[in-house]
Amino acid sequence: LASPVQLDIIDRLRALGISNFVALPQLAVVGDQSSGKSSVLESFSELPFPRDSGLCTRFATQIIFRRASTSSVKVSIIPGPARSRQEVERLR
C-alpha cells in the first residue's frame, strides 16, 4: 500500500494537471442509470450514497482515502469552468 507521503504527492500532482500527461492511480465507476454505481462506491468507501431517483449521484465524485486515528468526511462541490460566476458562488 502507498504511504501517506506518496498519496499526498499524487494528490498534488493531480491538482497541477499532471494526470493529463502521466497516468496516476485512479479508479472510475461508470454505468447506466440504476446500474449500481452508488453501491460500488459504498462498498469501497463504507459511506452511504443517495439512491432516490431525485437524489442520485449526478456529479463526478472524488473520494480521497487517508489512514488516520480519527474519521472525518469533507464534502464539497467544485464547479466546472463553464459555470457562471453566480453558479460558482451558489455551489460553494
N, C-alpha and C. Protein backbone atom coordinates (compact mmCIF):
# COMPACT_ATOMS: atom_id res chain seq x y z
N LEU A 1 0.83 -1.19 0.00
CA LEU A 1 0.00 0.00 0.00
C LEU A 1 0.87 1.25 0.00
N ALA A 2 0.38 2.29 -0.61
CA ALA A 2 1.12 3.54 -0.68
C ALA A 2 1.16 4.22 0.68
N SER A 3 2.26 4.90 0.93
CA SER A 3 2.39 5.63 2.19
C SER A 3 1.62 6.95 2.09
N PRO A 4 1.30 7.55 3.24
CA PRO A 4 0.61 8.86 3.22
C PRO A 4 1.39 9.91 2.43
N VAL A 5 2.70 9.86 2.51
CA VAL A 5 3.53 10.83 1.77
C VAL A 5 3.34 10.63 0.27
N GLN A 6 3.35 9.38 -0.19
CA GLN A 6 3.16 9.09 -1.61
C GLN A 6 1.77 9.53 -2.07
N LEU A 7 0.75 9.27 -1.27
CA LEU A 7 -0.61 9.67 -1.62
C LEU A 7 -0.74 11.18 -1.71
N ASP A 8 -0.10 11.90 -0.79
CA ASP A 8 -0.13 13.37 -0.84
C ASP A 8 0.55 13.89 -2.10
N ILE A 9 1.66 13.27 -2.49
CA ILE A 9 2.35 13.67 -3.72
C ILE A 9 1.46 13.45 -4.94
N ILE A 10 0.79 12.31 -4.99
CA ILE A 10 -0.12 12.00 -6.10
C ILE A 10 -1.24 13.05 -6.16
N ASP A 11 -1.81 13.41 -5.00
CA ASP A 11 -2.87 14.43 -4.97
C ASP A 11 -2.37 15.77 -5.48
N ARG A 12 -1.16 16.17 -5.07
CA ARG A 12 -0.61 17.46 -5.52
C ARG A 12 -0.35 17.44 -7.03
N LEU A 13 0.17 16.33 -7.54
CA LEU A 13 0.41 16.21 -8.99
C LEU A 13 -0.90 16.28 -9.76
N ARG A 14 -1.93 15.60 -9.26
CA ARG A 14 -3.23 15.62 -9.92
C ARG A 14 -3.81 17.05 -9.93
N ALA A 15 -3.65 17.78 -8.83
CA ALA A 15 -4.14 19.16 -8.74
C ALA A 15 -3.44 20.07 -9.74
N LEU A 16 -2.20 19.76 -10.08
CA LEU A 16 -1.44 20.55 -11.04
C LEU A 16 -1.76 20.18 -12.49
N GLY A 17 -2.58 19.14 -12.68
CA GLY A 17 -2.95 18.72 -14.03
C GLY A 17 -1.98 17.74 -14.67
N ILE A 18 -1.06 17.20 -13.89
CA ILE A 18 -0.07 16.25 -14.41
C ILE A 18 -0.74 14.99 -14.94
N SER A 19 -1.93 14.67 -14.40
CA SER A 19 -2.62 13.45 -14.84
C SER A 19 -3.02 13.51 -16.31
N ASN A 20 -2.97 14.71 -16.92
CA ASN A 20 -3.23 14.82 -18.36
C ASN A 20 -2.08 14.26 -19.18
N PHE A 21 -0.90 14.13 -18.55
CA PHE A 21 0.30 13.69 -19.26
C PHE A 21 0.88 12.38 -18.74
N VAL A 22 0.62 12.09 -17.47
CA VAL A 22 1.18 10.91 -16.82
C VAL A 22 0.03 10.15 -16.16
N ALA A 23 0.01 8.85 -16.33
CA ALA A 23 -1.05 8.05 -15.72
C ALA A 23 -0.83 7.96 -14.21
N LEU A 24 -1.76 8.54 -13.45
CA LEU A 24 -1.73 8.45 -11.99
C LEU A 24 -2.76 7.44 -11.54
N PRO A 25 -2.55 6.78 -10.41
CA PRO A 25 -3.51 5.77 -9.95
C PRO A 25 -4.90 6.37 -9.71
N GLN A 26 -5.91 5.69 -10.23
CA GLN A 26 -7.28 6.12 -10.00
C GLN A 26 -8.22 4.98 -10.35
N LEU A 27 -9.44 5.10 -9.88
CA LEU A 27 -10.49 4.13 -10.14
C LEU A 27 -11.71 4.90 -10.60
N ALA A 28 -12.32 4.48 -11.69
CA ALA A 28 -13.53 5.14 -12.19
C ALA A 28 -14.69 4.15 -12.14
N VAL A 29 -15.85 4.63 -11.68
CA VAL A 29 -17.06 3.82 -11.64
C VAL A 29 -18.05 4.47 -12.61
N VAL A 30 -18.40 3.76 -13.68
CA VAL A 30 -19.31 4.30 -14.69
C VAL A 30 -20.39 3.28 -14.99
N GLY A 31 -21.52 3.76 -15.48
CA GLY A 31 -22.61 2.85 -15.84
C GLY A 31 -23.88 3.61 -16.10
N ASP A 32 -24.86 2.90 -16.63
CA ASP A 32 -26.17 3.47 -16.91
C ASP A 32 -26.89 3.80 -15.60
N GLN A 33 -27.99 4.53 -15.74
CA GLN A 33 -28.81 4.87 -14.58
C GLN A 33 -29.28 3.59 -13.89
N SER A 34 -29.22 3.59 -12.57
CA SER A 34 -29.65 2.45 -11.75
C SER A 34 -28.87 1.18 -12.03
N SER A 35 -27.59 1.32 -12.40
CA SER A 35 -26.79 0.13 -12.68
C SER A 35 -25.93 -0.30 -11.49
N GLY A 36 -26.00 0.44 -10.37
CA GLY A 36 -25.27 0.03 -9.17
C GLY A 36 -24.01 0.82 -8.87
N LYS A 37 -23.85 1.98 -9.49
CA LYS A 37 -22.64 2.79 -9.24
C LYS A 37 -22.55 3.20 -7.77
N SER A 38 -23.67 3.65 -7.20
CA SER A 38 -23.67 4.05 -5.79
C SER A 38 -23.31 2.88 -4.90
N SER A 39 -23.77 1.70 -5.22
CA SER A 39 -23.46 0.51 -4.42
C SER A 39 -21.96 0.20 -4.47
N VAL A 40 -21.36 0.37 -5.64
CA VAL A 40 -19.91 0.14 -5.76
C VAL A 40 -19.15 1.16 -4.92
N LEU A 41 -19.54 2.44 -5.00
CA LEU A 41 -18.89 3.48 -4.21
C LEU A 41 -19.05 3.21 -2.72
N GLU A 42 -20.23 2.77 -2.32
CA GLU A 42 -20.47 2.44 -0.91
C GLU A 42 -19.58 1.29 -0.46
N SER A 43 -19.40 0.29 -1.31
CA SER A 43 -18.59 -0.86 -0.91
C SER A 43 -17.13 -0.47 -0.70
N PHE A 44 -16.63 0.48 -1.46
CA PHE A 44 -15.24 0.93 -1.30
C PHE A 44 -15.09 1.90 -0.13
N SER A 45 -16.02 2.83 -0.03
CA SER A 45 -15.87 3.92 0.93
C SER A 45 -16.49 3.64 2.29
N GLU A 46 -17.42 2.68 2.35
CA GLU A 46 -18.19 2.40 3.56
C GLU A 46 -18.96 3.64 4.01
N LEU A 47 -19.35 4.48 3.04
CA LEU A 47 -20.18 5.66 3.28
C LEU A 47 -21.46 5.52 2.47
N PRO A 48 -22.60 5.97 3.00
CA PRO A 48 -23.85 5.86 2.24
C PRO A 48 -23.91 6.88 1.10
N PHE A 49 -24.44 6.45 -0.02
CA PHE A 49 -24.65 7.33 -1.17
C PHE A 49 -26.14 7.38 -1.47
N PRO A 50 -26.64 8.51 -2.01
CA PRO A 50 -28.08 8.63 -2.29
C PRO A 50 -28.56 7.59 -3.29
N ARG A 51 -29.79 7.10 -3.11
CA ARG A 51 -30.35 6.10 -4.00
C ARG A 51 -31.70 6.51 -4.56
N ASP A 52 -32.32 7.55 -4.04
CA ASP A 52 -33.63 8.01 -4.51
C ASP A 52 -33.48 8.61 -5.90
N SER A 53 -34.49 8.46 -6.74
CA SER A 53 -34.41 8.95 -8.12
C SER A 53 -34.16 10.45 -8.19
N GLY A 54 -34.62 11.21 -7.21
CA GLY A 54 -34.39 12.66 -7.21
C GLY A 54 -33.09 13.06 -6.56
N LEU A 55 -32.41 12.11 -5.91
CA LEU A 55 -31.19 12.42 -5.18
C LEU A 55 -29.97 11.67 -5.68
N CYS A 56 -30.08 11.02 -6.81
CA CYS A 56 -28.98 10.18 -7.28
C CYS A 56 -27.71 11.01 -7.51
N THR A 57 -26.58 10.31 -7.59
CA THR A 57 -25.31 10.99 -7.81
C THR A 57 -25.24 11.46 -9.26
N ARG A 58 -25.32 12.76 -9.47
CA ARG A 58 -25.32 13.33 -10.81
C ARG A 58 -24.05 14.10 -11.12
N PHE A 59 -23.13 14.08 -10.22
CA PHE A 59 -21.87 14.80 -10.41
C PHE A 59 -20.73 13.80 -10.29
N ALA A 60 -19.61 14.15 -10.89
CA ALA A 60 -18.41 13.35 -10.68
C ALA A 60 -18.10 13.40 -9.19
N THR A 61 -17.71 12.28 -8.63
CA THR A 61 -17.44 12.19 -7.20
C THR A 61 -15.99 11.75 -7.01
N GLN A 62 -15.24 12.52 -6.25
CA GLN A 62 -13.86 12.16 -5.95
C GLN A 62 -13.78 11.77 -4.49
N ILE A 63 -13.24 10.59 -4.24
CA ILE A 63 -13.08 10.10 -2.86
C ILE A 63 -11.58 9.96 -2.62
N ILE A 64 -11.10 10.60 -1.55
CA ILE A 64 -9.68 10.53 -1.20
C ILE A 64 -9.59 9.86 0.16
N PHE A 65 -8.89 8.74 0.22
CA PHE A 65 -8.74 7.99 1.46
C PHE A 65 -7.39 8.30 2.10
N ARG A 66 -7.40 8.42 3.43
CA ARG A 66 -6.17 8.58 4.20
C ARG A 66 -6.34 7.79 5.49
N ARG A 67 -5.28 7.13 5.91
CA ARG A 67 -5.30 6.45 7.21
C ARG A 67 -5.11 7.51 8.29
N ALA A 68 -5.95 7.45 9.31
CA ALA A 68 -5.87 8.42 10.40
C ALA A 68 -6.45 7.80 11.67
N SER A 69 -6.09 8.37 12.80
CA SER A 69 -6.60 7.85 14.07
C SER A 69 -8.06 8.23 14.28
N THR A 70 -8.53 9.28 13.60
CA THR A 70 -9.93 9.68 13.70
C THR A 70 -10.53 9.70 12.29
N SER A 71 -11.85 9.52 12.24
CA SER A 71 -12.55 9.55 10.95
C SER A 71 -13.11 10.94 10.72
N SER A 72 -13.07 11.39 9.47
CA SER A 72 -13.69 12.66 9.11
C SER A 72 -14.14 12.60 7.67
N VAL A 73 -15.13 13.42 7.35
CA VAL A 73 -15.65 13.49 6.00
C VAL A 73 -15.74 14.96 5.61
N LYS A 74 -15.26 15.29 4.41
CA LYS A 74 -15.37 16.65 3.88
C LYS A 74 -16.09 16.53 2.54
N VAL A 75 -17.16 17.29 2.38
CA VAL A 75 -17.94 17.24 1.14
C VAL A 75 -17.92 18.64 0.53
N SER A 76 -17.63 18.71 -0.77
CA SER A 76 -17.66 20.00 -1.46
C SER A 76 -18.01 19.78 -2.93
N ILE A 77 -18.50 20.83 -3.55
CA ILE A 77 -18.79 20.81 -4.98
C ILE A 77 -17.80 21.75 -5.64
N ILE A 78 -17.08 21.24 -6.63
CA ILE A 78 -16.11 22.04 -7.37
C ILE A 78 -16.73 22.36 -8.72
N PRO A 79 -17.18 23.60 -8.92
CA PRO A 79 -17.83 23.96 -10.18
C PRO A 79 -16.87 23.88 -11.37
N GLY A 80 -17.39 23.44 -12.50
CA GLY A 80 -16.60 23.35 -13.72
C GLY A 80 -16.35 24.73 -14.33
N PRO A 81 -15.42 24.80 -15.27
CA PRO A 81 -15.06 26.09 -15.87
C PRO A 81 -16.18 26.74 -16.67
N ALA A 82 -17.18 25.98 -17.09
CA ALA A 82 -18.27 26.54 -17.89
C ALA A 82 -19.35 27.19 -17.01
N ARG A 83 -19.26 27.04 -15.69
CA ARG A 83 -20.27 27.61 -14.79
C ARG A 83 -20.12 29.12 -14.69
N SER A 84 -21.24 29.82 -14.59
CA SER A 84 -21.21 31.28 -14.45
C SER A 84 -20.71 31.64 -13.04
N ARG A 85 -20.30 32.89 -12.88
CA ARG A 85 -19.82 33.34 -11.57
C ARG A 85 -20.91 33.16 -10.50
N GLN A 86 -22.17 33.43 -10.88
CA GLN A 86 -23.29 33.27 -9.93
C GLN A 86 -23.45 31.80 -9.50
N GLU A 87 -23.35 30.90 -10.47
CA GLU A 87 -23.48 29.47 -10.16
C GLU A 87 -22.32 29.01 -9.26
N VAL A 88 -21.14 29.51 -9.56
CA VAL A 88 -19.97 29.15 -8.76
C VAL A 88 -20.20 29.55 -7.30
N GLU A 89 -20.65 30.78 -7.08
CA GLU A 89 -20.90 31.26 -5.72
C GLU A 89 -22.00 30.45 -5.04
N ARG A 90 -23.06 30.13 -5.78
CA ARG A 90 -24.16 29.36 -5.20
C ARG A 90 -23.71 27.96 -4.80
N LEU A 91 -22.90 27.32 -5.65
CA LEU A 91 -22.46 25.96 -5.37
C LEU A 91 -21.46 25.90 -4.22
N ARG A 92 -20.68 26.94 -4.07
CA ARG A 92 -19.70 26.95 -2.97
C ARG A 92 -20.39 27.27 -1.68
